[in-house]
């Protein structure tokens, strides 16, 4: 490693704990938008449904079948539909809020700081 001058990392799922940060953001938004009062039975059901749509849509993105904006908005729109909610305006606001707050979440993968210190 002595001859290496630069090392590049993809943050998601490598250094930055994408799953934990996303779940925390979604929990905050679940409460902010009072989804329980709109008919979503629980945060866990909301999160599980969201994850299914999110994974499927990212798969389509990886196959160049859809763009990032489609992933960002459809994952919430489809999740809402699964709970009988047909409020596209709210699902889009939730999607925008998710993209605004999640990048500011601080949780890292265990050992990320130590790895970076060692590589420094």
PDB file of N, CA and C in Angstrom:
ATOM      1  N   UNK A   1       0.814  -1.198   0.000  1.00  0.00           N
ATOM      2  CA  UNK A   1       0.000   0.000   0.000  1.00  0.00           C
ATOM      3  C   UNK A   1       0.858   1.262   0.000  1.00  0.00           C
ATOM      4  N   UNK A   2       2.138   1.147   0.191  1.00  0.00           N
ATOM      5  CA  UNK A   2       2.993   2.329   0.265  1.00  0.00           C
ATOM      6  C   UNK A   2       3.006   3.125  -1.032  1.00  0.00           C
ATOM      7  N   UNK A   3       2.835   2.468  -2.159  1.00  0.00           N
ATOM      8  CA  UNK A   3       2.880   3.165  -3.441  1.00  0.00           C
ATOM      9  C   UNK A   3       1.540   3.788  -3.827  1.00  0.00           C
ATOM     10  N   UNK A   4       0.524   3.543  -3.077  1.00  0.00           N
ATOM     11  CA  UNK A   4      -0.808   4.060  -3.392  1.00  0.00           C
ATOM     12  C   UNK A   4      -0.929   5.477  -2.864  1.00  0.00           C
ATOM     13  N   UNK A   5      -1.337   6.367  -3.743  1.00  0.00           N
ATOM     14  CA  UNK A   5      -1.507   7.760  -3.345  1.00  0.00           C
ATOM     15  C   UNK A   5      -2.963   8.071  -3.019  1.00  0.00           C
ATOM     16  N   UNK A   6      -3.892   7.435  -3.749  1.00  0.00           N
ATOM     17  CA  UNK A   6      -5.309   7.703  -3.556  1.00  0.00           C
ATOM     18  C   UNK A   6      -6.085   6.394  -3.480  1.00  0.00           C
ATOM     19  N   UNK A   7      -7.089   6.406  -2.639  1.00  0.00           N
ATOM     20  CA  UNK A   7      -8.041   5.301  -2.562  1.00  0.00           C
ATOM     21  C   UNK A   7      -9.422   5.932  -2.597  1.00  0.00           C
ATOM     22  N   UNK A   8     -10.271   5.445  -3.485  1.00  0.00           N
ATOM     23  CA  UNK A   8     -11.628   5.965  -3.600  1.00  0.00           C
ATOM     24  C   UNK A   8     -12.615   4.970  -3.001  1.00  0.00           C
ATOM     25  N   UNK A   9     -13.581   5.494  -2.264  1.00  0.00           N
ATOM     26  CA  UNK A   9     -14.619   4.670  -1.661  1.00  0.00           C
ATOM     27  C   UNK A   9     -15.979   5.142  -2.143  1.00  0.00           C
ATOM     28  N   UNK A  10     -16.856   4.212  -2.370  1.00  0.00           N
ATOM     29  CA  UNK A  10     -18.266   4.512  -2.529  1.00  0.00           C
ATOM     30  C   UNK A  10     -18.811   4.579  -1.108  1.00  0.00           C
ATOM     31  N   UNK A  11     -19.492   5.629  -0.761  1.00  0.00           N
ATOM     32  CA  UNK A  11     -19.952   5.788   0.621  1.00  0.00           C
ATOM     33  C   UNK A  11     -21.051   4.805   1.023  1.00  0.00           C
ATOM     34  N   UNK A  12     -22.064   4.650   0.174  1.00  0.00           N
ATOM     35  CA  UNK A  12     -23.224   3.825   0.534  1.00  0.00           C
ATOM     36  C   UNK A  12     -22.820   2.375   0.781  1.00  0.00           C
ATOM     37  N   UNK A  13     -23.159   1.901   1.958  1.00  0.00           N
ATOM     38  CA  UNK A  13     -22.912   0.512   2.363  1.00  0.00           C
ATOM     39  C   UNK A  13     -21.426   0.175   2.462  1.00  0.00           C
ATOM     40  N   UNK A  14     -20.557   1.159   2.391  1.00  0.00           N
ATOM     41  CA  UNK A  14     -19.121   0.919   2.496  1.00  0.00           C
ATOM     42  C   UNK A  14     -18.574   1.634   3.728  1.00  0.00           C
ATOM     43  N   UNK A  15     -18.768   2.928   3.777  1.00  0.00           N
ATOM     44  CA  UNK A  15     -18.364   3.719   4.936  1.00  0.00           C
ATOM     45  C   UNK A  15     -19.590   4.247   5.681  1.00  0.00           C
ATOM     46  N   UNK A  16     -20.562   4.683   4.934  1.00  0.00           N
ATOM     47  CA  UNK A  16     -21.771   5.302   5.479  1.00  0.00           C
ATOM     48  C   UNK A  16     -22.849   4.240   5.611  1.00  0.00           C
ATOM     49  N   UNK A  17     -23.462   4.139   6.785  1.00  0.00           N
ATOM     50  CA  UNK A  17     -24.472   3.114   7.049  1.00  0.00           C
ATOM     51  C   UNK A  17     -25.801   3.525   6.417  1.00  0.00           C
ATOM     52  N   UNK A  18     -25.918   3.233   5.143  1.00  0.00           N
ATOM     53  CA  UNK A  18     -27.087   3.621   4.352  1.00  0.00           C
ATOM     54  C   UNK A  18     -28.380   3.100   4.967  1.00  0.00           C
ATOM     55  N   UNK A  19     -28.385   1.846   5.365  1.00  0.00           N
ATOM     56  CA  UNK A  19     -29.616   1.244   5.894  1.00  0.00           C
ATOM     57  C   UNK A  19     -30.072   1.931   7.180  1.00  0.00           C
ATOM     58  N   UNK A  20     -29.159   2.116   8.102  1.00  0.00           N
ATOM     59  CA  UNK A  20     -29.518   2.749   9.381  1.00  0.00           C
ATOM     60  C   UNK A  20     -29.951   4.195   9.177  1.00  0.00           C
ATOM     61  N   UNK A  21     -29.204   4.926   8.355  1.00  0.00           N
ATOM     62  CA  UNK A  21     -29.543   6.331   8.111  1.00  0.00           C
ATOM     63  C   UNK A  21     -30.889   6.459   7.403  1.00  0.00           C
ATOM     64  N   UNK A  22     -31.154   5.584   6.446  1.00  0.00           N
ATOM     65  CA  UNK A  22     -32.428   5.610   5.727  1.00  0.00           C
ATOM     66  C   UNK A  22     -33.586   5.266   6.652  1.00  0.00           C
ATOM     67  N   UNK A  23     -33.409   4.225   7.448  1.00  0.00           N
ATOM     68  CA  UNK A  23     -34.481   3.816   8.364  1.00  0.00           C
ATOM     69  C   UNK A  23     -34.799   4.934   9.366  1.00  0.00           C
ATOM     70  N   UNK A  24     -33.772   5.574   9.871  1.00  0.00           N
ATOM     71  CA  UNK A  24     -33.977   6.680  10.815  1.00  0.00           C
ATOM     72  C   UNK A  24     -34.746   7.826  10.150  1.00  0.00           C
ATOM     73  N   UNK A  25     -34.365   8.162   8.930  1.00  0.00           N
ATOM     74  CA  UNK A  25     -35.062   9.224   8.197  1.00  0.00           C
ATOM     75  C   UNK A  25     -36.511   8.850   7.937  1.00  0.00           C
ATOM     76  N   UNK A  26     -36.734   7.616   7.506  1.00  0.00           N
ATOM     77  CA  UNK A  26     -38.097   7.174   7.217  1.00  0.00           C
ATOM     78  C   UNK A  26     -38.963   7.174   8.470  1.00  0.00           C
ATOM     79  N   UNK A  27     -38.385   6.813   9.594  1.00  0.00           N
ATOM     80  CA  UNK A  27     -39.139   6.845  10.853  1.00  0.00           C
ATOM     81  C   UNK A  27     -39.558   8.276  11.188  1.00  0.00           C
ATOM     82  N   UNK A  28     -38.639   9.210  11.041  1.00  0.00           N
ATOM     83  CA  UNK A  28     -38.967  10.617  11.293  1.00  0.00           C
ATOM     84  C   UNK A  28     -40.086  11.085  10.363  1.00  0.00           C
ATOM     85  N   UNK A  29     -40.000  10.718   9.102  1.00  0.00           N
ATOM     86  CA  UNK A  29     -40.999  11.154   8.129  1.00  0.00           C
ATOM     87  C   UNK A  29     -42.338  10.456   8.337  1.00  0.00           C
ATOM     88  N   UNK A  30     -42.309   9.212   8.765  1.00  0.00           N
ATOM     89  CA  UNK A  30     -43.540   8.480   9.086  1.00  0.00           C
ATOM     90  C   UNK A  30     -44.330   9.260  10.132  1.00  0.00           C
ATOM     91  N   UNK A  31     -43.620   9.764  11.132  1.00  0.00           N
ATOM     92  CA  UNK A  31     -44.284  10.527  12.199  1.00  0.00           C
ATOM     93  C   UNK A  31     -44.637  11.937  11.742  1.00  0.00           C
ATOM     94  N   UNK A  32     -43.748  12.569  11.006  1.00  0.00           N
ATOM     95  CA  UNK A  32     -44.010  13.934  10.522  1.00  0.00           C
ATOM     96  C   UNK A  32     -45.274  13.984   9.665  1.00  0.00           C
ATOM     97  N   UNK A  33     -45.435  13.014   8.782  1.00  0.00           N
ATOM     98  CA  UNK A  33     -46.589  12.988   7.885  1.00  0.00           C
ATOM     99  C   UNK A  33     -47.784  12.236   8.468  1.00  0.00           C
ATOM    100  N   UNK A  34     -47.654  11.833   9.718  1.00  0.00           N
ATOM    101  CA  UNK A  34     -48.731  11.161  10.452  1.00  0.00           C
ATOM    102  C   UNK A  34     -49.355  10.033   9.623  1.00  0.00           C
ATOM    103  N   UNK A  35     -48.498   9.168   9.092  1.00  0.00           N
ATOM    104  CA  UNK A  35     -48.980   8.094   8.226  1.00  0.00           C
ATOM    105  C   UNK A  35     -49.858   7.096   8.964  1.00  0.00           C
ATOM    106  N   UNK A  36     -49.667   6.960  10.263  1.00  0.00           N
ATOM    107  CA  UNK A  36     -50.531   6.099  11.066  1.00  0.00           C
ATOM    108  C   UNK A  36     -51.975   6.588  10.977  1.00  0.00           C
ATOM    109  N   UNK A  37     -52.160   7.895  11.020  1.00  0.00           N
ATOM    110  CA  UNK A  37     -53.500   8.483  10.932  1.00  0.00           C
ATOM    111  C   UNK A  37     -54.093   8.392   9.528  1.00  0.00           C
ATOM    112  N   UNK A  38     -53.234   8.157   8.533  1.00  0.00           N
ATOM    113  CA  UNK A  38     -53.708   8.041   7.152  1.00  0.00           C
ATOM    114  C   UNK A  38     -54.025   6.601   6.762  1.00  0.00           C
ATOM    115  N   UNK A  39     -53.803   5.673   7.715  1.00  0.00           N
ATOM    116  CA  UNK A  39     -54.164   4.287   7.447  1.00  0.00           C
ATOM    117  C   UNK A  39     -53.013   3.319   7.305  1.00  0.00           C
ATOM    118  N   UNK A  40     -51.776   3.785   7.462  1.00  0.00           N
ATOM    119  CA  UNK A  40     -50.632   2.874   7.430  1.00  0.00           C
ATOM    120  C   UNK A  40     -50.558   2.222   8.813  1.00  0.00           C
ATOM    121  N   UNK A  41     -50.650   0.891   8.891  1.00  0.00           N
ATOM    122  CA  UNK A  41     -50.781   0.212  10.188  1.00  0.00           C
ATOM    123  C   UNK A  41     -49.632   0.425  11.173  1.00  0.00           C
ATOM    124  N   UNK A  42     -48.396   0.496  10.670  1.00  0.00           N
ATOM    125  CA  UNK A  42     -47.251   0.653  11.569  1.00  0.00           C
ATOM    126  C   UNK A  42     -46.042   1.108  10.761  1.00  0.00           C
ATOM    127  N   UNK A  43     -45.056   1.613  11.483  1.00  0.00           N
ATOM    128  CA  UNK A  43     -43.832   1.999  10.795  1.00  0.00           C
ATOM    129  C   UNK A  43     -43.175   0.778  10.176  1.00  0.00           C
ATOM    130  N   UNK A  44     -43.157  -0.339  10.894  1.00  0.00           N
ATOM    131  CA  UNK A  44     -42.489  -1.538  10.366  1.00  0.00           C
ATOM    132  C   UNK A  44     -43.109  -1.991   9.047  1.00  0.00           C
ATOM    133  N   UNK A  45     -44.425  -1.950   8.941  1.00  0.00           N
ATOM    134  CA  UNK A  45     -45.078  -2.334   7.684  1.00  0.00           C
ATOM    135  C   UNK A  45     -44.760  -1.333   6.578  1.00  0.00           C
ATOM    136  N   UNK A  46     -44.741  -0.066   6.939  1.00  0.00           N
ATOM    137  CA  UNK A  46     -44.378   0.968   5.971  1.00  0.00           C
ATOM    138  C   UNK A  46     -42.950   0.751   5.481  1.00  0.00           C
ATOM    139  N   UNK A  47     -42.040   0.526   6.415  1.00  0.00           N
ATOM    140  CA  UNK A  47     -40.627   0.363   6.084  1.00  0.00           C
ATOM    141  C   UNK A  47     -40.395  -0.888   5.233  1.00  0.00           C
ATOM    142  N   UNK A  48     -41.028  -1.966   5.599  1.00  0.00           N
ATOM    143  CA  UNK A  48     -40.885  -3.214   4.848  1.00  0.00           C
ATOM    144  C   UNK A  48     -41.401  -3.062   3.419  1.00  0.00           C
ATOM    145  N   UNK A  49     -42.529  -2.420   3.264  1.00  0.00           N
ATOM    146  CA  UNK A  49     -43.112  -2.200   1.931  1.00  0.00           C
ATOM    147  C   UNK A  49     -42.231  -1.274   1.118  1.00  0.00           C
ATOM    148  N   UNK A  50     -41.762  -0.213   1.743  1.00  0.00           N
ATOM    149  CA  UNK A  50     -40.845   0.720   1.080  1.00  0.00           C
ATOM    150  C   UNK A  50     -39.593  -0.013   0.595  1.00  0.00           C
ATOM    151  N   UNK A  51     -39.003  -0.831   1.451  1.00  0.00           N
ATOM    152  CA  UNK A  51     -37.782  -1.546   1.095  1.00  0.00           C
ATOM    153  C   UNK A  51     -37.986  -2.436  -0.134  1.00  0.00           C
ATOM    154  N   UNK A  52     -39.118  -3.118  -0.192  1.00  0.00           N
ATOM    155  CA  UNK A  52     -39.394  -3.984  -1.341  1.00  0.00           C
ATOM    156  C   UNK A  52     -39.415  -3.174  -2.632  1.00  0.00           C
ATOM    157  N   UNK A  53     -40.122  -2.058  -2.614  1.00  0.00           N
ATOM    158  CA  UNK A  53     -40.192  -1.213  -3.809  1.00  0.00           C
ATOM    159  C   UNK A  53     -38.830  -0.586  -4.121  1.00  0.00           C
ATOM    160  N   UNK A  54     -38.147  -0.138  -3.088  1.00  0.00           N
ATOM    161  CA  UNK A  54     -36.850   0.505  -3.275  1.00  0.00           C
ATOM    162  C   UNK A  54     -35.855  -0.464  -3.933  1.00  0.00           C
ATOM    163  N   UNK A  55     -35.781  -1.679  -3.423  1.00  0.00           N
ATOM    164  CA  UNK A  55     -34.847  -2.670  -3.982  1.00  0.00           C
ATOM    165  C   UNK A  55     -35.191  -3.012  -5.433  1.00  0.00           C
ATOM    166  N   UNK A  56     -36.472  -3.194  -5.706  1.00  0.00           N
ATOM    167  CA  UNK A  56     -36.892  -3.529  -7.065  1.00  0.00           C
ATOM    168  C   UNK A  56     -36.575  -2.388  -8.035  1.00  0.00           C
ATOM    169  N   UNK A  57     -36.857  -1.168  -7.623  1.00  0.00           N
ATOM    170  CA  UNK A  57     -36.609  -0.019  -8.487  1.00  0.00           C
ATOM    171  C   UNK A  57     -35.115   0.219  -8.706  1.00  0.00           C
ATOM    172  N   UNK A  58     -34.295   0.033  -7.672  1.00  0.00           N
ATOM    173  CA  UNK A  58     -32.849   0.174  -7.868  1.00  0.00           C
ATOM    174  C   UNK A  58     -32.335  -0.912  -8.807  1.00  0.00           C
ATOM    175  N   UNK A  59     -32.960  -2.087  -8.772  1.00  0.00           N
ATOM    176  CA  UNK A  59     -32.611  -3.142  -9.717  1.00  0.00           C
ATOM    177  C   UNK A  59     -32.910  -2.722 -11.146  1.00  0.00           C
ATOM    178  N   UNK A  60     -34.057  -2.095 -11.352  1.00  0.00           N
ATOM    179  CA  UNK A  60     -34.408  -1.589 -12.686  1.00  0.00           C
ATOM    180  C   UNK A  60     -33.453  -0.488 -13.121  1.00  0.00           C
ATOM    181  N   UNK A  61     -33.045   0.326 -12.159  1.00  0.00           N
ATOM    182  CA  UNK A  61     -32.070   1.383 -12.459  1.00  0.00           C
ATOM    183  C   UNK A  61     -30.739   0.757 -12.903  1.00  0.00           C
ATOM    184  N   UNK A  62     -30.308  -0.283 -12.189  1.00  0.00           N
ATOM    185  CA  UNK A  62     -29.046  -0.949 -12.526  1.00  0.00           C
ATOM    186  C   UNK A  62     -29.085  -1.557 -13.924  1.00  0.00           C
ATOM    187  N   UNK A  63     -30.287  -1.901 -14.379  1.00  0.00           N
ATOM    188  CA  UNK A  63     -30.464  -2.463 -15.720  1.00  0.00           C
ATOM    189  C   UNK A  63     -30.759  -1.378 -16.756  1.00  0.00           C
ATOM    190  N   UNK A  64     -30.596  -0.124 -16.376  1.00  0.00           N
ATOM    191  CA  UNK A  64     -30.844   1.029 -17.249  1.00  0.00           C
ATOM    192  C   UNK A  64     -32.276   1.089 -17.776  1.00  0.00           C
ATOM    193  N   UNK A  65     -33.218   0.617 -16.984  1.00  0.00           N
ATOM    194  CA  UNK A  65     -34.610   0.655 -17.406  1.00  0.00           C
ATOM    195  C   UNK A  65     -35.348   1.888 -16.894  1.00  0.00           C
ATOM    196  N   UNK A  66     -34.837   2.478 -15.820  1.00  0.00           N
ATOM    197  CA  UNK A  66     -35.422   3.706 -15.271  1.00  0.00           C
ATOM    198  C   UNK A  66     -34.289   4.603 -14.776  1.00  0.00           C
ATOM    199  N   UNK A  67     -34.604   5.878 -14.553  1.00  0.00           N
ATOM    200  CA  UNK A  67     -33.619   6.824 -14.044  1.00  0.00           C
ATOM    201  C   UNK A  67     -33.719   6.995 -12.536  1.00  0.00           C
ATOM    202  N   UNK A  68     -32.774   7.749 -11.975  1.00  0.00           N
ATOM    203  CA  UNK A  68     -32.749   7.978 -10.530  1.00  0.00           C
ATOM    204  C   UNK A  68     -34.001   8.681 -10.027  1.00  0.00           C
ATOM    205  N   UNK A  69     -34.498   9.652 -10.790  1.00  0.00           N
ATOM    206  CA  UNK A  69     -35.708  10.357 -10.349  1.00  0.00           C
ATOM    207  C   UNK A  69     -36.888   9.407 -10.233  1.00  0.00           C
ATOM    208  N   UNK A  70     -36.972   8.455 -11.132  1.00  0.00           N
ATOM    209  CA  UNK A  70     -38.052   7.464 -11.059  1.00  0.00           C
ATOM    210  C   UNK A  70     -37.930   6.665  -9.763  1.00  0.00           C
ATOM    211  N   UNK A  71     -36.716   6.277  -9.422  1.00  0.00           N
ATOM    212  CA  UNK A  71     -36.510   5.538  -8.166  1.00  0.00           C
ATOM    213  C   UNK A  71     -36.922   6.416  -6.996  1.00  0.00           C
ATOM    214  N   UNK A  72     -36.439   7.638  -6.969  1.00  0.00           N
ATOM    215  CA  UNK A  72     -36.667   8.530  -5.832  1.00  0.00           C
ATOM    216  C   UNK A  72     -38.147   8.779  -5.552  1.00  0.00           C
ATOM    217  N   UNK A  73     -38.936   8.889  -6.592  1.00  0.00           N
ATOM    218  CA  UNK A  73     -40.353   9.205  -6.386  1.00  0.00           C
ATOM    219  C   UNK A  73     -41.247   7.971  -6.396  1.00  0.00           C
ATOM    220  N   UNK A  74     -40.991   7.037  -7.285  1.00  0.00           N
ATOM    221  CA  UNK A  74     -41.882   5.871  -7.396  1.00  0.00           C
ATOM    222  C   UNK A  74     -41.842   4.988  -6.159  1.00  0.00           C
ATOM    223  N   UNK A  75     -40.711   4.890  -5.484  1.00  0.00           N
ATOM    224  CA  UNK A  75     -40.651   4.033  -4.298  1.00  0.00           C
ATOM    225  C   UNK A  75     -41.639   4.496  -3.237  1.00  0.00           C
ATOM    226  N   UNK A  76     -41.853   5.798  -3.129  1.00  0.00           N
ATOM    227  CA  UNK A  76     -42.828   6.309  -2.159  1.00  0.00           C
ATOM    228  C   UNK A  76     -44.246   6.233  -2.718  1.00  0.00           C
ATOM    229  N   UNK A  77     -44.397   6.567  -3.968  1.00  0.00           N
ATOM    230  CA  UNK A  77     -45.722   6.508  -4.592  1.00  0.00           C
ATOM    231  C   UNK A  77     -46.271   5.080  -4.539  1.00  0.00           C
ATOM    232  N   UNK A  78     -45.457   4.097  -4.887  1.00  0.00           N
ATOM    233  CA  UNK A  78     -45.888   2.697  -4.859  1.00  0.00           C
ATOM    234  C   UNK A  78     -46.167   2.217  -3.439  1.00  0.00           C
ATOM    235  N   UNK A  79     -45.358   2.666  -2.500  1.00  0.00           N
ATOM    236  CA  UNK A  79     -45.591   2.313  -1.095  1.00  0.00           C
ATOM    237  C   UNK A  79     -46.925   2.882  -0.624  1.00  0.00           C
ATOM    238  N   UNK A  80     -47.188   4.127  -0.959  1.00  0.00           N
ATOM    239  CA  UNK A  80     -48.468   4.734  -0.615  1.00  0.00           C
ATOM    240  C   UNK A  80     -49.619   3.929  -1.219  1.00  0.00           C
ATOM    241  N   UNK A  81     -49.495   3.574  -2.485  1.00  0.00           N
ATOM    242  CA  UNK A  81     -50.560   2.813  -3.159  1.00  0.00           C
ATOM    243  C   UNK A  81     -50.838   1.499  -2.451  1.00  0.00           C
ATOM    244  N   UNK A  82     -49.805   0.832  -1.989  1.00  0.00           N
ATOM    245  CA  UNK A  82     -49.990  -0.443  -1.296  1.00  0.00           C
ATOM    246  C   UNK A  82     -50.842  -0.301  -0.040  1.00  0.00           C
ATOM    247  N   UNK A  83     -50.866   0.900   0.531  1.00  0.00           N
ATOM    248  CA  UNK A  83     -51.681   1.147   1.722  1.00  0.00           C
ATOM    249  C   UNK A  83     -52.977   1.878   1.387  1.00  0.00           C
ATOM    250  N   UNK A  84     -53.307   1.931   0.100  1.00  0.00           N
ATOM    251  CA  UNK A  84     -54.553   2.556  -0.325  1.00  0.00           C
ATOM    252  C   UNK A  84     -54.509   4.068  -0.297  1.00  0.00           C
ATOM    253  N   UNK A  85     -53.309   4.637  -0.251  1.00  0.00           N
ATOM    254  CA  UNK A  85     -53.167   6.094  -0.247  1.00  0.00           C
ATOM    255  C   UNK A  85     -52.864   6.550  -1.661  1.00  0.00           C
ATOM    256  N   UNK A  86     -53.674   7.431  -2.180  1.00  0.00           N
ATOM    257  CA  UNK A  86     -53.498   7.907  -3.549  1.00  0.00           C
ATOM    258  C   UNK A  86     -53.208   9.403  -3.562  1.00  0.00           C
ATOM    259  N   UNK A  87     -52.350   9.806  -2.634  1.00  0.00           N
ATOM    260  CA  UNK A  87     -51.983  11.209  -2.464  1.00  0.00           C
ATOM    261  C   UNK A  87     -50.577  11.415  -3.024  1.00  0.00           C
ATOM    262  N   UNK A  88     -50.504  11.688  -4.316  1.00  0.00           N
ATOM    263  CA  UNK A  88     -49.212  11.836  -4.976  1.00  0.00           C
ATOM    264  C   UNK A  88     -48.451  13.053  -4.467  1.00  0.00           C
ATOM    265  N   UNK A  89     -49.159  14.115  -4.125  1.00  0.00           N
ATOM    266  CA  UNK A  89     -48.507  15.326  -3.627  1.00  0.00           C
ATOM    267  C   UNK A  89     -47.752  15.018  -2.333  1.00  0.00           C
ATOM    268  N   UNK A  90     -48.406  14.326  -1.403  1.00  0.00           N
ATOM    269  CA  UNK A  90     -47.751  13.993  -0.133  1.00  0.00           C
ATOM    270  C   UNK A  90     -46.606  13.017  -0.343  1.00  0.00           C
ATOM    271  N   UNK A  91     -46.798  12.030  -1.221  1.00  0.00           N
ATOM    272  CA  UNK A  91     -45.707  11.073  -1.454  1.00  0.00           C
ATOM    273  C   UNK A  91     -44.496  11.782  -2.074  1.00  0.00           C
ATOM    274  N   UNK A  92     -44.724  12.779  -2.919  1.00  0.00           N
ATOM    275  CA  UNK A  92     -43.605  13.531  -3.504  1.00  0.00           C
ATOM    276  C   UNK A  92     -42.929  14.422  -2.469  1.00  0.00           C
ATOM    277  N   UNK A  93     -43.713  15.024  -1.575  1.00  0.00           N
ATOM    278  CA  UNK A  93     -43.124  15.831  -0.506  1.00  0.00           C
ATOM    279  C   UNK A  93     -42.277  14.952   0.409  1.00  0.00           C
ATOM    280  N   UNK A  94     -42.794  13.766   0.722  1.00  0.00           N
ATOM    281  CA  UNK A  94     -42.063  12.834   1.561  1.00  0.00           C
ATOM    282  C   UNK A  94     -40.759  12.428   0.870  1.00  0.00           C
ATOM    283  N   UNK A  95     -40.816  12.161  -0.429  1.00  0.00           N
ATOM    284  CA  UNK A  95     -39.616  11.801  -1.191  1.00  0.00           C
ATOM    285  C   UNK A  95     -38.591  12.930  -1.160  1.00  0.00           C
ATOM    286  N   UNK A  96     -39.047  14.151  -1.340  1.00  0.00           N
ATOM    287  CA  UNK A  96     -38.143  15.304  -1.303  1.00  0.00           C
ATOM    288  C   UNK A  96     -37.520  15.472   0.087  1.00  0.00           C
ATOM    289  N   UNK A  97     -38.340  15.331   1.119  1.00  0.00           N
ATOM    290  CA  UNK A  97     -37.835  15.445   2.493  1.00  0.00           C
ATOM    291  C   UNK A  97     -36.809  14.349   2.779  1.00  0.00           C
ATOM    292  N   UNK A  98     -37.092  13.149   2.305  1.00  0.00           N
ATOM    293  CA  UNK A  98     -36.165  12.029   2.496  1.00  0.00           C
ATOM    294  C   UNK A  98     -34.795  12.361   1.897  1.00  0.00           C
ATOM    295  N   UNK A  99     -34.813  12.900   0.691  1.00  0.00           N
ATOM    296  CA  UNK A  99     -33.558  13.245   0.018  1.00  0.00           C
ATOM    297  C   UNK A  99     -32.866  14.442   0.680  1.00  0.00           C
ATOM    298  N   UNK A 100     -33.614  15.255   1.380  1.00  0.00           N
ATOM    299  CA  UNK A 100     -33.021  16.410   2.066  1.00  0.00           C
ATOM    300  C   UNK A 100     -32.374  16.034   3.395  1.00  0.00           C
ATOM    301  N   UNK A 101     -33.030  15.153   4.155  1.00  0.00           N
ATOM    302  CA  UNK A 101     -32.521  14.878   5.505  1.00  0.00           C
ATOM    303  C   UNK A 101     -31.562  13.699   5.588  1.00  0.00           C
ATOM    304  N   UNK A 102     -31.740  12.705   4.745  1.00  0.00           N
ATOM    305  CA  UNK A 102     -30.941  11.490   4.878  1.00  0.00           C
ATOM    306  C   UNK A 102     -29.439  11.727   4.717  1.00  0.00           C
ATOM    307  N   UNK A 103     -28.989  12.522   3.758  1.00  0.00           N
ATOM    308  CA  UNK A 103     -27.543  12.722   3.634  1.00  0.00           C
ATOM    309  C   UNK A 103     -26.876  13.354   4.853  1.00  0.00           C
ATOM    310  N   UNK A 104     -27.659  13.925   5.749  1.00  0.00           N
ATOM    311  CA  UNK A 104     -27.114  14.569   6.938  1.00  0.00           C
ATOM    312  C   UNK A 104     -27.066  13.634   8.141  1.00  0.00           C
ATOM    313  N   UNK A 105     -27.495  12.406   7.949  1.00  0.00           N
ATOM    314  CA  UNK A 105     -27.454  11.423   9.042  1.00  0.00           C
ATOM    315  C   UNK A 105     -26.011  10.979   9.255  1.00  0.00           C
ATOM    316  N   UNK A 106     -25.613  10.789  10.516  1.00  0.00           N
ATOM    317  CA  UNK A 106     -24.190  10.594  10.817  1.00  0.00           C
ATOM    318  C   UNK A 106     -23.688   9.152  10.945  1.00  0.00           C
ATOM    319  N   UNK A 107     -24.555   8.180  10.793  1.00  0.00           N
ATOM    320  CA  UNK A 107     -24.158   6.818  11.140  1.00  0.00           C
ATOM    321  C   UNK A 107     -23.239   6.190  10.091  1.00  0.00           C
ATOM    322  N   UNK A 108     -22.118   5.656  10.581  1.00  0.00           N
ATOM    323  CA  UNK A 108     -21.125   5.016   9.723  1.00  0.00           C
ATOM    324  C   UNK A 108     -21.131   3.503   9.959  1.00  0.00           C
ATOM    325  N   UNK A 109     -20.623   2.772   8.989  1.00  0.00           N
ATOM    326  CA  UNK A 109     -20.433   1.336   9.136  1.00  0.00           C
ATOM    327  C   UNK A 109     -19.402   1.126  10.245  1.00  0.00           C
ATOM    328  N   UNK A 110     -19.612   0.105  11.055  1.00  0.00           N
ATOM    329  CA  UNK A 110     -18.681  -0.181  12.137  1.00  0.00           C
ATOM    330  C   UNK A 110     -17.266  -0.363  11.583  1.00  0.00           C
ATOM    331  N   UNK A 111     -16.324   0.339  12.176  1.00  0.00           N
ATOM    332  CA  UNK A 111     -14.923   0.242  11.783  1.00  0.00           C
ATOM    333  C   UNK A 111     -14.504   1.220  10.691  1.00  0.00           C
ATOM    334  N   UNK A 112     -15.451   2.010  10.164  1.00  0.00           N
ATOM    335  CA  UNK A 112     -15.127   2.935   9.063  1.00  0.00           C
ATOM    336  C   UNK A 112     -14.097   3.983   9.493  1.00  0.00           C
ATOM    337  N   UNK A 113     -14.299   4.578  10.656  1.00  0.00           N
ATOM    338  CA  UNK A 113     -13.356   5.606  11.119  1.00  0.00           C
ATOM    339  C   UNK A 113     -11.966   5.016  11.326  1.00  0.00           C
ATOM    340  N   UNK A 114     -11.912   3.838  11.931  1.00  0.00           N
ATOM    341  CA  UNK A 114     -10.635   3.202  12.187  1.00  0.00           C
ATOM    342  C   UNK A 114      -9.912   2.867  10.881  1.00  0.00           C
ATOM    343  N   UNK A 115     -10.669   2.399   9.896  1.00  0.00           N
ATOM    344  CA  UNK A 115     -10.087   2.081   8.597  1.00  0.00           C
ATOM    345  C   UNK A 115      -9.487   3.330   7.957  1.00  0.00           C
ATOM    346  N   UNK A 116     -10.234   4.417   7.984  1.00  0.00           N
ATOM    347  CA  UNK A 116      -9.740   5.655   7.389  1.00  0.00           C
ATOM    348  C   UNK A 116      -8.510   6.182   8.126  1.00  0.00           C
ATOM    349  N   UNK A 117      -8.512   6.055   9.437  1.00  0.00           N
ATOM    350  CA  UNK A 117      -7.341   6.482  10.213  1.00  0.00           C
ATOM    351  C   UNK A 117      -6.115   5.653   9.843  1.00  0.00           C
ATOM    352  N   UNK A 118      -6.316   4.353   9.693  1.00  0.00           N
ATOM    353  CA  UNK A 118      -5.203   3.471   9.335  1.00  0.00           C
ATOM    354  C   UNK A 118      -4.672   3.800   7.939  1.00  0.00           C
ATOM    355  N   UNK A 119      -5.567   4.076   7.012  1.00  0.00           N
ATOM    356  CA  UNK A 119      -5.160   4.376   5.647  1.00  0.00           C
ATOM    357  C   UNK A 119      -4.540   5.769   5.514  1.00  0.00           C
ATOM    358  N   UNK A 120      -4.883   6.641   6.435  1.00  0.00           N
ATOM    359  CA  UNK A 120      -4.348   8.010   6.398  1.00  0.00           C
ATOM    360  C   UNK A 120      -2.843   7.976   6.494  1.00  0.00           C
TER     361      UNK A 120
END
